[in-house]
Amino acid sequence: MSGILFLIPIALFMGLLGLGAFIWAVRSGQFDDPIGSANRILIDEDEPL
């Protein structure tokens, strides 16, 4: 029983830490590249021999 009382707050803290890191990444523009992702598939990087 004491193990659960120890692990639940740690799990909640780690979940909130991960959520905070995700929100920080979204606000700092880490996921803002819709044009580059769409065009990257069209670029042929293989050079002819």
PDB file of N, CA and C in Angstrom:
ATOM      1  N   MET A   1       0.826  -1.195   0.000  1.00  0.00           N
ATOM      2  CA  MET A   1       0.000   0.000   0.000  1.00  0.00           C
ATOM      3  C   MET A   1       0.864   1.250   0.000  1.00  0.00           C
ATOM      4  N   SER A   2       1.961   1.220   0.733  1.00  0.00           N
ATOM      5  CA  SER A   2       2.799   2.413   0.786  1.00  0.00           C
ATOM      6  C   SER A   2       3.505   2.651  -0.545  1.00  0.00           C
ATOM      7  N   GLY A   3       3.689   1.574  -1.326  1.00  0.00           N
ATOM      8  CA  GLY A   3       4.289   1.724  -2.648  1.00  0.00           C
ATOM      9  C   GLY A   3       3.390   2.514  -3.581  1.00  0.00           C
ATOM     10  N   ILE A   4       2.084   2.252  -3.507  1.00  0.00           N
ATOM     11  CA  ILE A   4       1.132   2.984  -4.349  1.00  0.00           C
ATOM     12  C   ILE A   4       1.101   4.450  -3.949  1.00  0.00           C
ATOM     13  N   LEU A   5       1.148   4.712  -2.661  1.00  0.00           N
ATOM     14  CA  LEU A   5       1.137   6.106  -2.201  1.00  0.00           C
ATOM     15  C   LEU A   5       2.409   6.839  -2.626  1.00  0.00           C
ATOM     16  N   PHE A   6       3.445   6.117  -2.899  1.00  0.00           N
ATOM     17  CA  PHE A   6       4.697   6.704  -3.365  1.00  0.00           C
ATOM     18  C   PHE A   6       4.706   6.878  -4.888  1.00  0.00           C
ATOM     19  N   LEU A   7       4.146   5.896  -5.614  1.00  0.00           N
ATOM     20  CA  LEU A   7       4.230   5.904  -7.070  1.00  0.00           C
ATOM     21  C   LEU A   7       3.201   6.795  -7.756  1.00  0.00           C
ATOM     22  N   ILE A   8       2.021   6.942  -7.190  1.00  0.00           N
ATOM     23  CA  ILE A   8       0.987   7.762  -7.826  1.00  0.00           C
ATOM     24  C   ILE A   8       1.412   9.229  -7.937  1.00  0.00           C
ATOM     25  N   PRO A   9       1.911   9.879  -6.892  1.00  0.00           N
ATOM     26  CA  PRO A   9       2.353  11.271  -7.064  1.00  0.00           C
ATOM     27  C   PRO A   9       3.511  11.413  -8.048  1.00  0.00           C
ATOM     28  N   ILE A  10       4.411  10.433  -8.090  1.00  0.00           N
ATOM     29  CA  ILE A  10       5.519  10.488  -9.043  1.00  0.00           C
ATOM     30  C   ILE A  10       4.985  10.381 -10.471  1.00  0.00           C
ATOM     31  N   ALA A  11       4.026   9.487 -10.696  1.00  0.00           N
ATOM     32  CA  ALA A  11       3.444   9.325 -12.029  1.00  0.00           C
ATOM     33  C   ALA A  11       2.692  10.590 -12.449  1.00  0.00           C
ATOM     34  N   LEU A  12       1.954  11.182 -11.540  1.00  0.00           N
ATOM     35  CA  LEU A  12       1.244  12.421 -11.857  1.00  0.00           C
ATOM     36  C   LEU A  12       2.220  13.554 -12.167  1.00  0.00           C
ATOM     37  N   PHE A  13       3.296  13.647 -11.411  1.00  0.00           N
ATOM     38  CA  PHE A  13       4.297  14.680 -11.656  1.00  0.00           C
ATOM     39  C   PHE A  13       4.953  14.485 -13.019  1.00  0.00           C
ATOM     40  N   MET A  14       5.300  13.254 -13.352  1.00  0.00           N
ATOM     41  CA  MET A  14       5.943  12.992 -14.638  1.00  0.00           C
ATOM     42  C   MET A  14       4.978  13.248 -15.801  1.00  0.00           C
ATOM     43  N   GLY A  15       3.710  12.940 -15.620  1.00  0.00           N
ATOM     44  CA  GLY A  15       2.704  13.228 -16.644  1.00  0.00           C
ATOM     45  C   GLY A  15       2.542  14.723 -16.860  1.00  0.00           C
ATOM     46  N   LEU A  16       2.487  15.482 -15.778  1.00  0.00           N
ATOM     47  CA  LEU A  16       2.381  16.939 -15.896  1.00  0.00           C
ATOM     48  C   LEU A  16       3.647  17.537 -16.488  1.00  0.00           C
ATOM     49  N   LEU A  17       4.797  16.965 -16.166  1.00  0.00           N
ATOM     50  CA  LEU A  17       6.051  17.432 -16.751  1.00  0.00           C
ATOM     51  C   LEU A  17       6.069  17.194 -18.263  1.00  0.00           C
ATOM     52  N   GLY A  18       5.617  16.031 -18.700  1.00  0.00           N
ATOM     53  CA  GLY A  18       5.526  15.737 -20.132  1.00  0.00           C
ATOM     54  C   GLY A  18       4.529  16.638 -20.839  1.00  0.00           C
ATOM     55  N   LEU A  19       3.396  16.895 -20.211  1.00  0.00           N
ATOM     56  CA  LEU A  19       2.402  17.797 -20.777  1.00  0.00           C
ATOM     57  C   LEU A  19       2.957  19.209 -20.891  1.00  0.00           C
ATOM     58  N   GLY A  20       3.685  19.641 -19.869  1.00  0.00           N
ATOM     59  CA  GLY A  20       4.304  20.961 -19.920  1.00  0.00           C
ATOM     60  C   GLY A  20       5.340  21.068 -21.023  1.00  0.00           C
ATOM     61  N   ALA A  21       6.131  20.013 -21.222  1.00  0.00           N
ATOM     62  CA  ALA A  21       7.129  20.011 -22.294  1.00  0.00           C
ATOM     63  C   ALA A  21       6.444  20.048 -23.659  1.00  0.00           C
ATOM     64  N   PHE A  22       5.336  19.340 -23.810  1.00  0.00           N
ATOM     65  CA  PHE A  22       4.608  19.358 -25.075  1.00  0.00           C
ATOM     66  C   PHE A  22       4.023  20.736 -25.351  1.00  0.00           C
ATOM     67  N   ILE A  23       3.420  21.356 -24.349  1.00  0.00           N
ATOM     68  CA  ILE A  23       2.846  22.693 -24.527  1.00  0.00           C
ATOM     69  C   ILE A  23       3.945  23.698 -24.850  1.00  0.00           C
ATOM     70  N   TRP A  24       5.088  23.593 -24.187  1.00  0.00           N
ATOM     71  CA  TRP A  24       6.213  24.478 -24.500  1.00  0.00           C
ATOM     72  C   TRP A  24       6.671  24.300 -25.950  1.00  0.00           C
ATOM     73  N   ALA A  25       6.742  23.060 -26.415  1.00  0.00           N
ATOM     74  CA  ALA A  25       7.181  22.796 -27.790  1.00  0.00           C
ATOM     75  C   ALA A  25       6.192  23.369 -28.799  1.00  0.00           C
ATOM     76  N   VAL A  26       4.913  23.265 -28.516  1.00  0.00           N
ATOM     77  CA  VAL A  26       3.912  23.805 -29.431  1.00  0.00           C
ATOM     78  C   VAL A  26       3.994  25.324 -29.465  1.00  0.00           C
ATOM     79  N   ARG A  27       4.126  25.959 -28.322  1.00  0.00           N
ATOM     80  CA  ARG A  27       4.181  27.423 -28.278  1.00  0.00           C
ATOM     81  C   ARG A  27       5.464  27.988 -28.858  1.00  0.00           C
ATOM     82  N   SER A  28       6.553  27.231 -28.811  1.00  0.00           N
ATOM     83  CA  SER A  28       7.822  27.749 -29.335  1.00  0.00           C
ATOM     84  C   SER A  28       7.983  27.463 -30.819  1.00  0.00           C
ATOM     85  N   GLY A  29       6.995  26.827 -31.453  1.00  0.00           N
ATOM     86  CA  GLY A  29       7.008  26.634 -32.894  1.00  0.00           C
ATOM     87  C   GLY A  29       7.713  25.389 -33.366  1.00  0.00           C
ATOM     88  N   GLN A  30       7.848  24.388 -32.547  1.00  0.00           N
ATOM     89  CA  GLN A  30       8.533  23.165 -32.951  1.00  0.00           C
ATOM     90  C   GLN A  30       7.745  22.379 -33.996  1.00  0.00           C
ATOM     91  N   PHE A  31       6.435  22.574 -34.062  1.00  0.00           N
ATOM     92  CA  PHE A  31       5.598  21.803 -34.969  1.00  0.00           C
ATOM     93  C   PHE A  31       5.069  22.651 -36.119  1.00  0.00           C
ATOM     94  N   ASP A  32       5.651  23.834 -36.355  1.00  0.00           N
ATOM     95  CA  ASP A  32       5.176  24.735 -37.398  1.00  0.00           C
ATOM     96  C   ASP A  32       6.011  24.601 -38.660  1.00  0.00           C
ATOM     97  N   ASP A  33       5.654  23.677 -39.526  1.00  0.00           N
ATOM     98  CA  ASP A  33       6.295  23.548 -40.823  1.00  0.00           C
ATOM     99  C   ASP A  33       5.373  22.789 -41.769  1.00  0.00           C
ATOM    100  N   PRO A  34       4.160  23.299 -42.014  1.00  0.00           N
ATOM    101  CA  PRO A  34       3.243  22.556 -42.866  1.00  0.00           C
ATOM    102  C   PRO A  34       3.682  22.533 -44.332  1.00  0.00           C
ATOM    103  N   ILE A  35       4.332  23.584 -44.804  1.00  0.00           N
ATOM    104  CA  ILE A  35       4.751  23.636 -46.203  1.00  0.00           C
ATOM    105  C   ILE A  35       5.938  22.710 -46.436  1.00  0.00           C
ATOM    106  N   GLY A  36       6.907  22.712 -45.543  1.00  0.00           N
ATOM    107  CA  GLY A  36       8.091  21.877 -45.706  1.00  0.00           C
ATOM    108  C   GLY A  36       7.770  20.397 -45.700  1.00  0.00           C
ATOM    109  N   SER A  37       6.860  19.996 -44.845  1.00  0.00           N
ATOM    110  CA  SER A  37       6.487  18.583 -44.787  1.00  0.00           C
ATOM    111  C   SER A  37       5.756  18.156 -46.051  1.00  0.00           C
ATOM    112  N   ALA A  38       4.937  19.038 -46.584  1.00  0.00           N
ATOM    113  CA  ALA A  38       4.193  18.692 -47.795  1.00  0.00           C
ATOM    114  C   ALA A  38       5.109  18.624 -49.003  1.00  0.00           C
ATOM    115  N   ASN A  39       6.113  19.476 -49.069  1.00  0.00           N
ATOM    116  CA  ASN A  39       7.016  19.507 -50.222  1.00  0.00           C
ATOM    117  C   ASN A  39       8.148  18.492 -50.119  1.00  0.00           C
ATOM    118  N   ARG A  40       8.479  18.063 -48.938  1.00  0.00           N
ATOM    119  CA  ARG A  40       9.607  17.153 -48.744  1.00  0.00           C
ATOM    120  C   ARG A  40       9.391  15.816 -49.449  1.00  0.00           C
ATOM    121  N   ILE A  41       8.153  15.370 -49.541  1.00  0.00           N
ATOM    122  CA  ILE A  41       7.888  14.094 -50.188  1.00  0.00           C
ATOM    123  C   ILE A  41       8.085  14.181 -51.701  1.00  0.00           C
ATOM    124  N   LEU A  42       8.013  15.386 -52.273  1.00  0.00           N
ATOM    125  CA  LEU A  42       8.144  15.559 -53.716  1.00  0.00           C
ATOM    126  C   LEU A  42       9.592  15.700 -54.171  1.00  0.00           C
ATOM    127  N   ILE A  43      10.514  15.963 -53.260  1.00  0.00           N
ATOM    128  CA  ILE A  43      11.903  16.181 -53.615  1.00  0.00           C
ATOM    129  C   ILE A  43      12.595  14.835 -53.802  1.00  0.00           C
ATOM    130  N   ASP A  44      13.216  14.665 -54.954  1.00  0.00           N
ATOM    131  CA  ASP A  44      13.929  13.442 -55.250  1.00  0.00           C
ATOM    132  C   ASP A  44      15.398  13.627 -54.863  1.00  0.00           C
ATOM    133  N   GLU A  45      15.824  12.949 -53.821  1.00  0.00           N
ATOM    134  CA  GLU A  45      17.183  13.112 -53.319  1.00  0.00           C
ATOM    135  C   GLU A  45      18.173  12.148 -53.952  1.00  0.00           C
ATOM    136  N   ASP A  46      17.676  11.191 -54.732  1.00  0.00           N
ATOM    137  CA  ASP A  46      18.561  10.247 -55.391  1.00  0.00           C
ATOM    138  C   ASP A  46      19.217  10.905 -56.610  1.00  0.00           C
ATOM    139  N   GLU A  47      20.518  10.856 -56.660  1.00  0.00           N
ATOM    140  CA  GLU A  47      21.220  11.415 -57.800  1.00  0.00           C
ATOM    141  C   GLU A  47      21.449  10.313 -58.837  1.00  0.00           C
ATOM    142  N   PRO A  48      21.228  10.616 -60.107  1.00  0.00           N
ATOM    143  CA  PRO A  48      21.468   9.582 -61.125  1.00  0.00           C
ATOM    144  C   PRO A  48      22.950   9.264 -61.229  1.00  0.00           C
ATOM    145  N   LEU A  49      23.259   8.007 -61.487  1.00  0.00           N
ATOM    146  CA  LEU A  49      24.642   7.574 -61.590  1.00  0.00           C
ATOM    147  C   LEU A  49      25.258   7.903 -62.924  1.00  0.00           C
TER     148      LEU A  49
END
